[in-house]
PDB file of N, CA and C in Angstrom:
ATOM      1  N   MET A   1       0.828  -1.263   0.045  1.00  0.00           N
ATOM      2  CA  MET A   1       0.106  -0.195  -0.134  1.00  0.00           C
ATOM      3  C   MET A   1       0.852   1.163  -0.133  1.00  0.00           C
ATOM      4  N   VAL A   2       0.535   2.293  -0.792  1.00  0.00           N
ATOM      5  CA  VAL A   2       1.151   3.623  -0.680  1.00  0.00           C
ATOM      6  C   VAL A   2       0.629   4.440   0.506  1.00  0.00           C
ATOM      7  N   VAL A   3       1.452   5.020   1.267  1.00  0.00           N
ATOM      8  CA  VAL A   3       0.875   5.977   2.379  1.00  0.00           C
ATOM      9  C   VAL A   3       1.607   7.290   1.745  1.00  0.00           C
ATOM     10  N   ILE A   4       1.153   8.184   2.602  1.00  0.00           N
ATOM     11  CA  ILE A   4       1.659   9.583   2.538  1.00  0.00           C
ATOM     12  C   ILE A   4       2.018   9.498   3.974  1.00  0.00           C
ATOM     13  N   ARG A   5       3.337  10.184   4.641  1.00  0.00           N
ATOM     14  CA  ARG A   5       3.487  10.248   5.890  1.00  0.00           C
ATOM     15  C   ARG A   5       4.720  11.134   5.901  1.00  0.00           C
ATOM     16  N   LEU A   6       5.288  11.244   7.463  1.00  0.00           N
ATOM     17  CA  LEU A   6       6.404  11.911   7.469  1.00  0.00           C
ATOM     18  C   LEU A   6       7.520  11.591   7.782  1.00  0.00           C
ATOM     19  N   ALA A   7       8.581  12.085   7.291  1.00  0.00           N
ATOM     20  CA  ALA A   7       9.983  11.264   7.445  1.00  0.00           C
ATOM     21  C   ALA A   7      10.352  12.652   8.039  1.00  0.00           C
ATOM     22  N   ARG A   8      11.455  12.091   9.153  1.00  0.00           N
ATOM     23  CA  ARG A   8      12.158  13.221  10.149  1.00  0.00           C
ATOM     24  C   ARG A   8      13.760  13.244   9.451  1.00  0.00           C
ATOM     25  N   SER A   9      13.982  14.749   9.584  1.00  0.00           N
ATOM     26  CA  SER A   9      15.421  14.777   9.335  1.00  0.00           C
ATOM     27  C   SER A   9      15.502  16.010  10.103  1.00  0.00           C
ATOM     28  N   GLY A  10      16.874  16.681  10.060  1.00  0.00           N
ATOM     29  CA  GLY A  10      17.249  17.882  10.860  1.00  0.00           C
ATOM     30  C   GLY A  10      18.226  17.517  11.965  1.00  0.00           C
ATOM     31  N   ALA A  11      18.445  18.308  12.697  1.00  0.00           N
ATOM     32  CA  ALA A  11      19.585  17.793  13.734  1.00  0.00           C
ATOM     33  C   ALA A  11      18.832  17.465  14.913  1.00  0.00           C
ATOM     34  N   LYS A  12      19.527  17.111  15.907  1.00  0.00           N
ATOM     35  CA  LYS A  12      19.228  16.819  17.376  1.00  0.00           C
ATOM     36  C   LYS A  12      18.627  18.051  17.824  1.00  0.00           C
ATOM     37  N   LYS A  13      17.390  17.695  18.654  1.00  0.00           N
ATOM     38  CA  LYS A  13      16.669  18.889  18.968  1.00  0.00           C
ATOM     39  C   LYS A  13      16.131  19.946  18.101  1.00  0.00           C
ATOM     40  N   ARG A  14      16.225  19.639  16.677  1.00  0.00           N
ATOM     41  CA  ARG A  14      15.967  20.717  15.851  1.00  0.00           C
ATOM     42  C   ARG A  14      15.040  19.969  14.809  1.00  0.00           C
ATOM     43  N   PRO A  15      13.744  19.476  14.907  1.00  0.00           N
ATOM     44  CA  PRO A  15      13.292  18.550  13.987  1.00  0.00           C
ATOM     45  C   PRO A  15      12.905  19.151  12.366  1.00  0.00           C
ATOM     46  N   PHE A  16      13.020  18.324  11.866  1.00  0.00           N
ATOM     47  CA  PHE A  16      12.453  19.086  10.331  1.00  0.00           C
ATOM     48  C   PHE A  16      11.802  17.675   9.717  1.00  0.00           C
ATOM     49  N   TYR A  17      10.451  18.061   9.228  1.00  0.00           N
ATOM     50  CA  TYR A  17       9.959  16.484   8.690  1.00  0.00           C
ATOM     51  C   TYR A  17       9.482  16.922   7.304  1.00  0.00           C
ATOM     52  N   ASN A  18       9.672  16.101   6.403  1.00  0.00           N
ATOM     53  CA  ASN A  18       9.493  15.650   5.053  1.00  0.00           C
ATOM     54  C   ASN A  18       8.184  14.980   4.702  1.00  0.00           C
ATOM     55  N   MET A  19       7.152  15.639   3.992  1.00  0.00           N
ATOM     56  CA  MET A  19       6.248  14.847   3.541  1.00  0.00           C
ATOM     57  C   MET A  19       6.185  14.049   2.339  1.00  0.00           C
ATOM     58  N   VAL A  20       6.089  12.760   2.551  1.00  0.00           N
ATOM     59  CA  VAL A  20       6.941  11.791   1.505  1.00  0.00           C
ATOM     60  C   VAL A  20       5.660  10.858   1.102  1.00  0.00           C
ATOM     61  N   VAL A  21       5.602  10.683  -0.094  1.00  0.00           N
ATOM     62  CA  VAL A  21       4.602   9.698  -0.417  1.00  0.00           C
ATOM     63  C   VAL A  21       5.641   8.037  -0.719  1.00  0.00           C
ATOM     64  N   THR A  22       5.134   7.055  -0.173  1.00  0.00           N
ATOM     65  CA  THR A  22       6.042   5.979   0.240  1.00  0.00           C
ATOM     66  C   THR A  22       5.435   4.513   0.554  1.00  0.00           C
ATOM     67  N   ASP A  23       6.097   3.438   0.251  1.00  0.00           N
ATOM     68  CA  ASP A  23       5.542   2.204   0.247  1.00  0.00           C
ATOM     69  C   ASP A  23       5.440   1.937   1.860  1.00  0.00           C
ATOM     70  N   SER A  24       4.098   1.673   2.197  1.00  0.00           N
ATOM     71  CA  SER A  24       3.956   1.259   3.519  1.00  0.00           C
ATOM     72  C   SER A  24       4.878   0.427   4.393  1.00  0.00           C
ATOM     73  N   ARG A  25       5.731  -0.348   3.391  1.00  0.00           N
ATOM     74  CA  ARG A  25       6.470  -1.348   4.323  1.00  0.00           C
ATOM     75  C   ARG A  25       7.939  -0.742   4.503  1.00  0.00           C
ATOM     76  N   SER A  26       8.364   0.337   3.894  1.00  0.00           N
ATOM     77  CA  SER A  26       9.690   0.996   4.097  1.00  0.00           C
ATOM     78  C   SER A  26       9.607   1.950   5.415  1.00  0.00           C
ATOM     79  N   ARG A  27      10.974   1.644   6.056  1.00  0.00           N
ATOM     80  CA  ARG A  27      10.998   2.363   7.046  1.00  0.00           C
ATOM     81  C   ARG A  27      10.581   4.049   7.242  1.00  0.00           C
ATOM     82  N   ARG A  28      10.587   4.682   8.201  1.00  0.00           N
ATOM     83  CA  ARG A  28      10.170   5.923   8.534  1.00  0.00           C
ATOM     84  C   ARG A  28      11.093   7.042   7.455  1.00  0.00           C
ATOM     85  N   ASP A  29      12.513   6.643   7.713  1.00  0.00           N
ATOM     86  CA  ASP A  29      13.158   7.714   7.111  1.00  0.00           C
ATOM     87  C   ASP A  29      14.132   6.893   5.876  1.00  0.00           C
ATOM     88  N   GLY A  30      13.588   5.957   5.279  1.00  0.00           N
ATOM     89  CA  GLY A  30      13.870   5.129   4.245  1.00  0.00           C
ATOM     90  C   GLY A  30      13.748   5.663   2.861  1.00  0.00           C
ATOM     91  N   ARG A  31      13.611   4.784   1.954  1.00  0.00           N
ATOM     92  CA  ARG A  31      13.116   5.079   0.651  1.00  0.00           C
ATOM     93  C   ARG A  31      12.029   5.933   0.400  1.00  0.00           C
ATOM     94  N   PHE A  32      11.772   6.546  -0.653  1.00  0.00           N
ATOM     95  CA  PHE A  32      10.425   7.237  -0.902  1.00  0.00           C
ATOM     96  C   PHE A  32      10.315   7.413  -2.322  1.00  0.00           C
ATOM     97  N   VAL A  33       9.126   7.804  -2.767  1.00  0.00           N
ATOM     98  CA  VAL A  33       8.659   7.751  -4.160  1.00  0.00           C
ATOM     99  C   VAL A  33       8.945   9.572  -4.508  1.00  0.00           C
ATOM    100  N   GLU A  34       8.555  10.048  -3.602  1.00  0.00           N
ATOM    101  CA  GLU A  34       8.235  11.654  -4.001  1.00  0.00           C
ATOM    102  C   GLU A  34       7.969  12.496  -2.808  1.00  0.00           C
ATOM    103  N   ARG A  35       8.598  13.617  -2.743  1.00  0.00           N
ATOM    104  CA  ARG A  35       8.635  14.587  -1.685  1.00  0.00           C
ATOM    105  C   ARG A  35       7.552  15.480  -2.014  1.00  0.00           C
ATOM    106  N   ILE A  36       6.510  15.785  -1.389  1.00  0.00           N
ATOM    107  CA  ILE A  36       5.491  16.681  -1.736  1.00  0.00           C
ATOM    108  C   ILE A  36       5.300  17.860  -0.789  1.00  0.00           C
ATOM    109  N   GLY A  37       5.951  17.823   0.229  1.00  0.00           N
ATOM    110  CA  GLY A  37       6.032  18.778   1.123  1.00  0.00           C
ATOM    111  C   GLY A  37       6.983  18.842   2.563  1.00  0.00           C
ATOM    112  N   PHE A  38       6.580  19.876   3.480  1.00  0.00           N
ATOM    113  CA  PHE A  38       7.623  19.832   4.598  1.00  0.00           C
ATOM    114  C   PHE A  38       6.843  20.288   5.808  1.00  0.00           C
ATOM    115  N   TYR A  39       7.293  20.139   6.985  1.00  0.00           N
ATOM    116  CA  TYR A  39       6.717  20.703   8.177  1.00  0.00           C
ATOM    117  C   TYR A  39       7.619  20.977   9.140  1.00  0.00           C
ATOM    118  N   ASN A  40       7.951  22.064   9.540  1.00  0.00           N
ATOM    119  CA  ASN A  40       9.000  22.729  10.568  1.00  0.00           C
ATOM    120  C   ASN A  40       8.406  23.258  11.425  1.00  0.00           C
ATOM    121  N   PRO A  41       8.307  22.016  12.575  1.00  0.00           N
ATOM    122  CA  PRO A  41       7.397  22.635  13.909  1.00  0.00           C
ATOM    123  C   PRO A  41       8.169  23.871  14.710  1.00  0.00           C
ATOM    124  N   VAL A  42       9.736  23.984  14.484  1.00  0.00           N
ATOM    125  CA  VAL A  42      10.189  25.274  15.154  1.00  0.00           C
ATOM    126  C   VAL A  42      10.691  26.202  14.365  1.00  0.00           C
ATOM    127  N   ALA A  43       9.736  26.322  13.475  1.00  0.00           N
ATOM    128  CA  ALA A  43       9.976  27.663  12.505  1.00  0.00           C
ATOM    129  C   ALA A  43       9.813  28.886  13.123  1.00  0.00           C
ATOM    130  N   ALA A  44      10.666  30.111  12.450  1.00  0.00           N
ATOM    131  CA  ALA A  44      10.574  31.132  13.029  1.00  0.00           C
ATOM    132  C   ALA A  44       9.333  32.064  12.790  1.00  0.00           C
ATOM    133  N   GLU A  45       9.178  33.236  13.053  1.00  0.00           N
ATOM    134  CA  GLU A  45       7.762  33.936  12.339  1.00  0.00           C
ATOM    135  C   GLU A  45       7.742  34.123  11.051  1.00  0.00           C
ATOM    136  N   ASN A  46       8.981  34.278  10.479  1.00  0.00           N
ATOM    137  CA  ASN A  46       8.799  34.834   9.309  1.00  0.00           C
ATOM    138  C   ASN A  46       9.300  33.577   8.424  1.00  0.00           C
ATOM    139  N   GLU A  47       9.725  32.285   8.685  1.00  0.00           N
ATOM    140  CA  GLU A  47       9.667  31.461   7.663  1.00  0.00           C
ATOM    141  C   GLU A  47       8.087  30.875   7.787  1.00  0.00           C
ATOM    142  N   PRO A  48       8.050  29.864   6.563  1.00  0.00           N
ATOM    143  CA  PRO A  48       6.878  29.239   6.569  1.00  0.00           C
ATOM    144  C   PRO A  48       7.084  27.709   7.085  1.00  0.00           C
ATOM    145  N   GLY A  49       5.961  27.159   8.374  1.00  0.00           N
ATOM    146  CA  GLY A  49       6.303  25.917   9.095  1.00  0.00           C
ATOM    147  C   GLY A  49       5.466  24.980   8.292  1.00  0.00           C
ATOM    148  N   LEU A  50       4.874  24.955   7.288  1.00  0.00           N
ATOM    149  CA  LEU A  50       4.354  24.128   6.605  1.00  0.00           C
ATOM    150  C   LEU A  50       3.856  24.445   5.265  1.00  0.00           C
ATOM    151  N   ARG A  51       4.456  23.505   4.236  1.00  0.00           N
ATOM    152  CA  ARG A  51       4.306  23.627   3.136  1.00  0.00           C
ATOM    153  C   ARG A  51       3.862  22.214   1.953  1.00  0.00           C
ATOM    154  N   VAL A  52       2.474  22.431   1.424  1.00  0.00           N
ATOM    155  CA  VAL A  52       2.232  21.361   0.699  1.00  0.00           C
ATOM    156  C   VAL A  52       1.651  21.185  -0.611  1.00  0.00           C
ATOM    157  N   ASP A  53       2.175  20.680  -1.555  1.00  0.00           N
ATOM    158  CA  ASP A  53       2.190  20.778  -2.929  1.00  0.00           C
ATOM    159  C   ASP A  53       0.527  19.692  -2.939  1.00  0.00           C
ATOM    160  N   MET A  54      -0.461  20.794  -2.732  1.00  0.00           N
ATOM    161  CA  MET A  54      -1.791  19.933  -3.201  1.00  0.00           C
ATOM    162  C   MET A  54      -2.289  19.460  -4.408  1.00  0.00           C
ATOM    163  N   GLN A  55      -1.599  19.831  -5.669  1.00  0.00           N
ATOM    164  CA  GLN A  55      -1.950  18.945  -6.892  1.00  0.00           C
ATOM    165  C   GLN A  55      -1.491  17.781  -6.734  1.00  0.00           C
ATOM    166  N   ARG A  56      -0.171  17.447  -6.121  1.00  0.00           N
ATOM    167  CA  ARG A  56       0.415  16.406  -6.158  1.00  0.00           C
ATOM    168  C   ARG A  56      -0.334  15.355  -5.108  1.00  0.00           C
ATOM    169  N   LEU A  57      -0.598  16.019  -3.912  1.00  0.00           N
ATOM    170  CA  LEU A  57      -1.294  15.242  -2.816  1.00  0.00           C
ATOM    171  C   LEU A  57      -2.578  14.714  -3.531  1.00  0.00           C
ATOM    172  N   SER A  58      -3.426  15.490  -4.235  1.00  0.00           N
ATOM    173  CA  SER A  58      -4.684  14.941  -4.915  1.00  0.00           C
ATOM    174  C   SER A  58      -4.338  13.899  -5.633  1.00  0.00           C
ATOM    175  N   TYR A  59      -3.201  14.349  -6.827  1.00  0.00           N
ATOM    176  CA  TYR A  59      -2.734  13.206  -7.843  1.00  0.00           C
ATOM    177  C   TYR A  59      -2.390  11.628  -6.959  1.00  0.00           C
ATOM    178  N   TRP A  60      -2.042  11.728  -5.829  1.00  0.00           N
ATOM    179  CA  TRP A  60      -1.641  10.572  -4.815  1.00  0.00           C
ATOM    180  C   TRP A  60      -2.806   9.610  -4.509  1.00  0.00           C
ATOM    181  N   GLN A  61      -3.602  10.683  -3.855  1.00  0.00           N
ATOM    182  CA  GLN A  61      -5.121  10.294  -3.242  1.00  0.00           C
ATOM    183  C   GLN A  61      -5.633   9.600  -4.241  1.00  0.00           C
ATOM    184  N   GLY A  62      -5.852   9.926  -5.433  1.00  0.00           N
ATOM    185  CA  GLY A  62      -6.556   9.569  -6.499  1.00  0.00           C
ATOM    186  C   GLY A  62      -6.057   8.217  -7.328  1.00  0.00           C
ATOM    187  N   HIS A  63      -4.613   7.889  -7.012  1.00  0.00           N
ATOM    188  CA  HIS A  63      -4.338   6.729  -7.179  1.00  0.00           C
ATOM    189  C   HIS A  63      -4.127   5.843  -6.013  1.00  0.00           C
ATOM    190  N   GLY A  64      -4.845   5.821  -4.948  1.00  0.00           N
ATOM    191  CA  GLY A  64      -5.046   5.093  -3.639  1.00  0.00           C
ATOM    192  C   GLY A  64      -4.240   5.291  -2.641  1.00  0.00           C
ATOM    193  N   ALA A  65      -3.035   6.244  -2.572  1.00  0.00           N
ATOM    194  CA  ALA A  65      -2.474   6.923  -1.447  1.00  0.00           C
ATOM    195  C   ALA A  65      -3.271   7.080  -0.170  1.00  0.00           C
ATOM    196  N   GLN A  66      -2.924   6.511   0.996  1.00  0.00           N
ATOM    197  CA  GLN A  66      -3.758   6.645   2.248  1.00  0.00           C
ATOM    198  C   GLN A  66      -2.780   7.975   2.952  1.00  0.00           C
ATOM    199  N   LEU A  67      -3.349   8.774   3.779  1.00  0.00           N
ATOM    200  CA  LEU A  67      -2.908   9.587   4.621  1.00  0.00           C
ATOM    201  C   LEU A  67      -2.467   9.303   6.123  1.00  0.00           C
ATOM    202  N   SER A  68      -1.416   9.416   6.721  1.00  0.00           N
ATOM    203  CA  SER A  68      -1.255   8.917   7.907  1.00  0.00           C
ATOM    204  C   SER A  68      -1.947   9.753   9.042  1.00  0.00           C
ATOM    205  N   PRO A  69      -2.514   9.418   9.896  1.00  0.00           N
ATOM    206  CA  PRO A  69      -3.151  10.441  10.692  1.00  0.00           C
ATOM    207  C   PRO A  69      -2.306  11.628  11.074  1.00  0.00           C
ATOM    208  N   THR A  70      -1.061  11.832  11.372  1.00  0.00           N
ATOM    209  CA  THR A  70      -0.726  13.103  11.320  1.00  0.00           C
ATOM    210  C   THR A  70      -0.541  14.002  10.164  1.00  0.00           C
ATOM    211  N   ALA A  71      -0.124  13.296   9.098  1.00  0.00           N
ATOM    212  CA  ALA A  71      -0.202  13.887   7.741  1.00  0.00           C
ATOM    213  C   ALA A  71      -1.736  14.554   7.482  1.00  0.00           C
ATOM    214  N   ALA A  72      -2.917  13.613   7.741  1.00  0.00           N
ATOM    215  CA  ALA A  72      -4.150  13.956   7.581  1.00  0.00           C
ATOM    216  C   ALA A  72      -4.420  15.456   8.359  1.00  0.00           C
ATOM    217  N   ARG A  73      -4.003  15.546   9.846  1.00  0.00           N
ATOM    218  CA  ARG A  73      -4.141  16.552  10.694  1.00  0.00           C
ATOM    219  C   ARG A  73      -3.368  17.961   9.956  1.00  0.00           C
ATOM    220  N   LEU A  74      -2.064  17.804   9.186  1.00  0.00           N
ATOM    221  CA  LEU A  74      -1.463  18.851   9.045  1.00  0.00           C
ATOM    222  C   LEU A  74      -1.775  19.334   7.666  1.00  0.00           C
ATOM    223  N   VAL A  75      -2.457  18.171   6.820  1.00  0.00           N
ATOM    224  CA  VAL A  75      -3.405  18.840   5.548  1.00  0.00           C
ATOM    225  C   VAL A  75      -4.411  19.513   5.798  1.00  0.00           C
ATOM    226  N   LYS A  76      -5.272  19.195   6.791  1.00  0.00           N
ATOM    227  CA  LYS A  76      -6.253  19.908   7.160  1.00  0.00           C
ATOM    228  C   LYS A  76      -6.008  21.333   7.552  1.00  0.00           C
ATOM    229  N   LYS A  77      -4.839  21.497   8.529  1.00  0.00           N
ATOM    230  CA  LYS A  77      -4.211  22.645   8.852  1.00  0.00           C
ATOM    231  C   LYS A  77      -3.829  23.271   7.851  1.00  0.00           C
ATOM    232  N   PHE A  78      -3.154  23.015   6.736  1.00  0.00           N
ATOM    233  CA  PHE A  78      -2.786  23.522   5.843  1.00  0.00           C
ATOM    234  C   PHE A  78      -3.879  24.045   5.040  1.00  0.00           C
ATOM    235  N   GLY A  79      -4.614  23.271   4.567  1.00  0.00           N
ATOM    236  CA  GLY A  79      -5.959  23.620   3.875  1.00  0.00           C
ATOM    237  C   GLY A  79      -6.512  25.044   4.451  1.00  0.00           C
ATOM    238  N   ALA A  80      -6.765  24.963   5.550  1.00  0.00           N
ATOM    239  CA  ALA A  80      -7.396  26.328   6.155  1.00  0.00           C
ATOM    240  C   ALA A  80      -6.473  27.381   5.873  1.00  0.00           C
ATOM    241  N   SER A  81      -5.339  27.221   6.225  1.00  0.00           N
ATOM    242  CA  SER A  81      -4.530  28.575   6.136  1.00  0.00           C
ATOM    243  C   SER A  81      -4.483  29.095   4.847  1.00  0.00           C
ATOM    244  N   ALA A  82      -4.228  27.958   4.087  1.00  0.00           N
ATOM    245  CA  ALA A  82      -3.926  28.590   2.516  1.00  0.00           C
ATOM    246  C   ALA A  82      -5.151  29.265   2.238  1.00  0.00           C
ATOM    247  N   VAL A  83      -6.572  28.804   2.615  1.00  0.00           N
ATOM    248  CA  VAL A  83      -7.961  29.689   2.170  1.00  0.00           C
ATOM    249  C   VAL A  83      -7.948  31.086   2.966  1.00  0.00           C
ATOM    250  N   ALA A  84      -7.221  31.055   4.038  1.00  0.00           N
ATOM    251  CA  ALA A  84      -7.444  32.143   4.995  1.00  0.00           C
ATOM    252  C   ALA A  84      -6.218  33.208   4.380  1.00  0.00           C
ATOM    253  N   LYS A  85      -5.094  32.939   3.726  1.00  0.00           N
ATOM    254  CA  LYS A  85      -4.334  33.629   3.114  1.00  0.00           C
ATOM    255  C   LYS A  85      -4.701  34.221   1.692  1.00  0.00           C
ATOM    256  N   ALA A  86      -5.759  33.493   1.001  1.00  0.00           N
ATOM    257  CA  ALA A  86      -6.253  33.757  -0.230  1.00  0.00           C
ATOM    258  C   ALA A  86      -7.283  34.938   0.207  1.00  0.00           C
ATOM    259  N   ALA A  87      -8.012  34.874   1.240  1.00  0.00           N
ATOM    260  CA  ALA A  87      -9.300  35.858   1.571  1.00  0.00           C
ATOM    261  C   ALA A  87      -8.605  37.060   2.038  1.00  0.00           C
TER     262      ALA A  87
END
């Protein structure tokens, strides 16, 4: 099964997560098919903390990819913030 989940990178005590499309059997930080965004929980005020390519997300969901619970929460948050910025 193909899943969309977070892969951790960054230094110790400075997490940075890539939102990746991967096979469910691969390791958390292992091989992935495509990187579709990122999440930086310790971003400064002037830096983006979350960015998701919604077109690629829709493409992969259309091909049967499932979102992990954390990725689903972040996508929902990103969708709400993108609508607020557009208004």
